[in-house]
Amino acid sequence: MSEVVRQEAAFFFASIATGIILVWSYDIFRIFRRAVPHHTLAVSIEDLLYWFAVSLIIFGMIFEKNDGALRGYAFVGILIGAWAQIFVESFFHKIWIKMLKKTEKKGKMSLGKRR
């Protein structure tokens, strides 16, 4: 593989990693919001700041890794990374819910047998 192709492939994988990190960081934001109730105005301001930070992160990644040249596959990579992260989280969330339901059923059955 030529050096140029390797650089472009590394850039594509960096954009996928960026998409994963952006979704993960927003999930942390959502968890914080559930733990600490927020007013609608505060949520709007936080979202505005988040998307401003996201734009700076994406710009920085494109500027640093690709010398500022816009490539369509960079945005596709970010979307693929974000989609993959959402898919993986929902998959494990479903498994977690099933495990909790099974544990809950076993707990109720064992309580019923003791009486």
Protein backbone atom coordinates (compact mmCIF):
# COMPACT_ATOMS: atom_id res chain seq x y z
CA MET A 1 0.00 0.00 0.00
CA SER A 2 1.30 3.44 -0.81
CA GLU A 3 1.92 6.00 1.90
CA VAL A 4 -0.88 8.25 0.62
CA VAL A 5 -3.43 5.44 0.85
CA ARG A 6 -2.26 4.62 4.36
CA GLN A 7 -2.67 8.25 5.41
CA GLU A 8 -6.17 8.41 3.94
CA ALA A 9 -7.14 5.13 5.62
CA ALA A 10 -5.80 6.39 8.95
CA PHE A 11 -7.80 9.59 8.46
CA PHE A 12 -10.95 7.58 7.75
CA PHE A 13 -10.49 5.49 10.90
CA ALA A 14 -9.77 8.65 12.90
CA SER A 15 -13.09 10.06 11.68
CA ILE A 16 -14.87 6.86 12.75
CA ALA A 17 -13.24 7.14 16.18
CA THR A 18 -14.32 10.78 16.35
CA GLY A 19 -17.94 9.77 15.71
CA ILE A 20 -17.76 7.16 18.47
CA ILE A 21 -16.27 9.63 20.94
CA LEU A 22 -18.86 12.29 20.12
CA VAL A 23 -21.78 9.94 20.77
CA TRP A 24 -20.14 8.63 23.91
CA SER A 25 -19.58 12.14 25.24
CA TYR A 26 -23.19 13.12 24.54
CA ASP A 27 -24.32 10.01 26.42
CA ILE A 28 -22.33 11.18 29.43
CA PHE A 29 -24.10 14.52 29.05
CA ARG A 30 -27.48 12.76 29.04
CA ILE A 31 -26.59 10.74 32.15
CA PHE A 32 -25.61 13.96 33.93
CA ARG A 33 -28.93 15.53 32.94
CA ARG A 34 -30.86 12.63 34.40
CA ALA A 35 -28.86 12.71 37.62
CA VAL A 36 -29.21 16.49 38.02
CA PRO A 37 -32.51 17.94 36.80
CA HIS A 38 -32.12 20.91 34.46
CA HIS A 39 -34.36 23.73 33.34
CA THR A 40 -35.22 23.81 29.63
CA LEU A 41 -33.10 26.92 29.12
CA ALA A 42 -30.09 25.24 30.75
CA VAL A 43 -30.53 22.17 28.52
CA SER A 44 -30.67 24.40 25.45
CA ILE A 45 -27.51 26.26 26.45
CA GLU A 46 -25.70 22.99 27.21
CA ASP A 47 -26.72 21.61 23.81
CA LEU A 48 -25.53 24.77 22.10
CA LEU A 49 -22.17 24.54 23.87
CA TYR A 50 -21.92 20.82 23.06
CA TRP A 51 -22.51 21.36 19.34
CA PHE A 52 -20.09 24.27 19.31
CA ALA A 53 -17.46 21.99 20.88
CA VAL A 54 -18.32 19.25 18.37
CA SER A 55 -17.80 21.64 15.47
CA LEU A 56 -14.41 22.64 16.88
CA ILE A 57 -13.42 19.00 17.38
CA ILE A 58 -14.40 18.05 13.83
CA PHE A 59 -12.67 21.10 12.39
CA GLY A 60 -9.55 20.32 14.42
CA MET A 61 -9.54 16.71 13.29
CA ILE A 62 -9.89 17.67 9.63
CA PHE A 63 -7.32 20.44 9.93
CA GLU A 64 -4.75 18.33 11.76
CA LYS A 65 -5.14 14.98 10.02
CA ASN A 66 -5.91 16.12 6.46
CA ASP A 67 -4.34 19.59 6.25
CA GLY A 68 -7.74 21.24 6.13
CA ALA A 69 -8.88 19.50 2.94
CA LEU A 70 -12.53 18.53 3.16
CA ARG A 71 -13.22 14.94 2.21
CA GLY A 72 -16.68 13.49 2.00
CA TYR A 73 -15.57 10.21 3.49
CA ALA A 74 -14.50 12.04 6.65
CA PHE A 75 -18.11 12.98 7.33
CA VAL A 76 -19.25 9.49 6.31
CA GLY A 77 -16.72 8.06 8.78
CA ILE A 78 -18.04 10.27 11.57
CA LEU A 79 -21.59 9.13 10.79
CA ILE A 80 -20.52 5.46 10.65
CA GLY A 81 -18.77 5.82 14.01
CA ALA A 82 -21.78 7.52 15.57
CA TRP A 83 -24.17 4.92 14.17
CA ALA A 84 -21.96 2.05 15.32
CA GLN A 85 -21.76 3.48 18.84
CA ILE A 86 -25.53 3.92 19.02
CA PHE A 87 -26.06 0.37 17.72
CA VAL A 88 -23.63 -1.17 20.20
CA GLU A 89 -25.12 0.76 23.11
CA SER A 90 -28.68 -0.24 22.23
CA PHE A 91 -27.61 -3.88 21.81
CA PHE A 92 -26.00 -4.00 25.25
CA HIS A 93 -28.89 -2.03 26.75
CA LYS A 94 -31.34 -4.70 25.54
CA ILE A 95 -29.17 -7.46 26.97
CA TRP A 96 -28.89 -5.58 30.28
CA ILE A 97 -32.67 -5.15 30.50
CA LYS A 98 -33.23 -8.86 29.81
CA MET A 99 -30.74 -9.80 32.52
CA LEU A 100 -32.43 -7.48 35.01
CA LYS A 101 -35.85 -8.92 34.22
CA LYS A 102 -34.58 -12.47 34.69
CA THR A 103 -32.95 -11.50 37.98
CA GLU A 104 -36.14 -9.80 39.11
CA LYS A 105 -38.23 -12.88 38.27
CA LYS A 106 -35.84 -15.17 40.13
CA GLY A 107 -35.93 -12.87 43.13
CA LYS A 108 -39.72 -12.91 43.24
CA MET A 109 -39.86 -16.69 42.89
CA SER A 110 -37.39 -17.23 45.70
CA LEU A 111 -39.33 -14.84 47.95
CA GLY A 112 -42.53 -16.75 47.24
CA LYS A 113 -40.98 -20.11 48.20
CA ARG A 114 -39.79 -18.82 51.57
CA ARG A 115 -43.25 -17.99 52.78
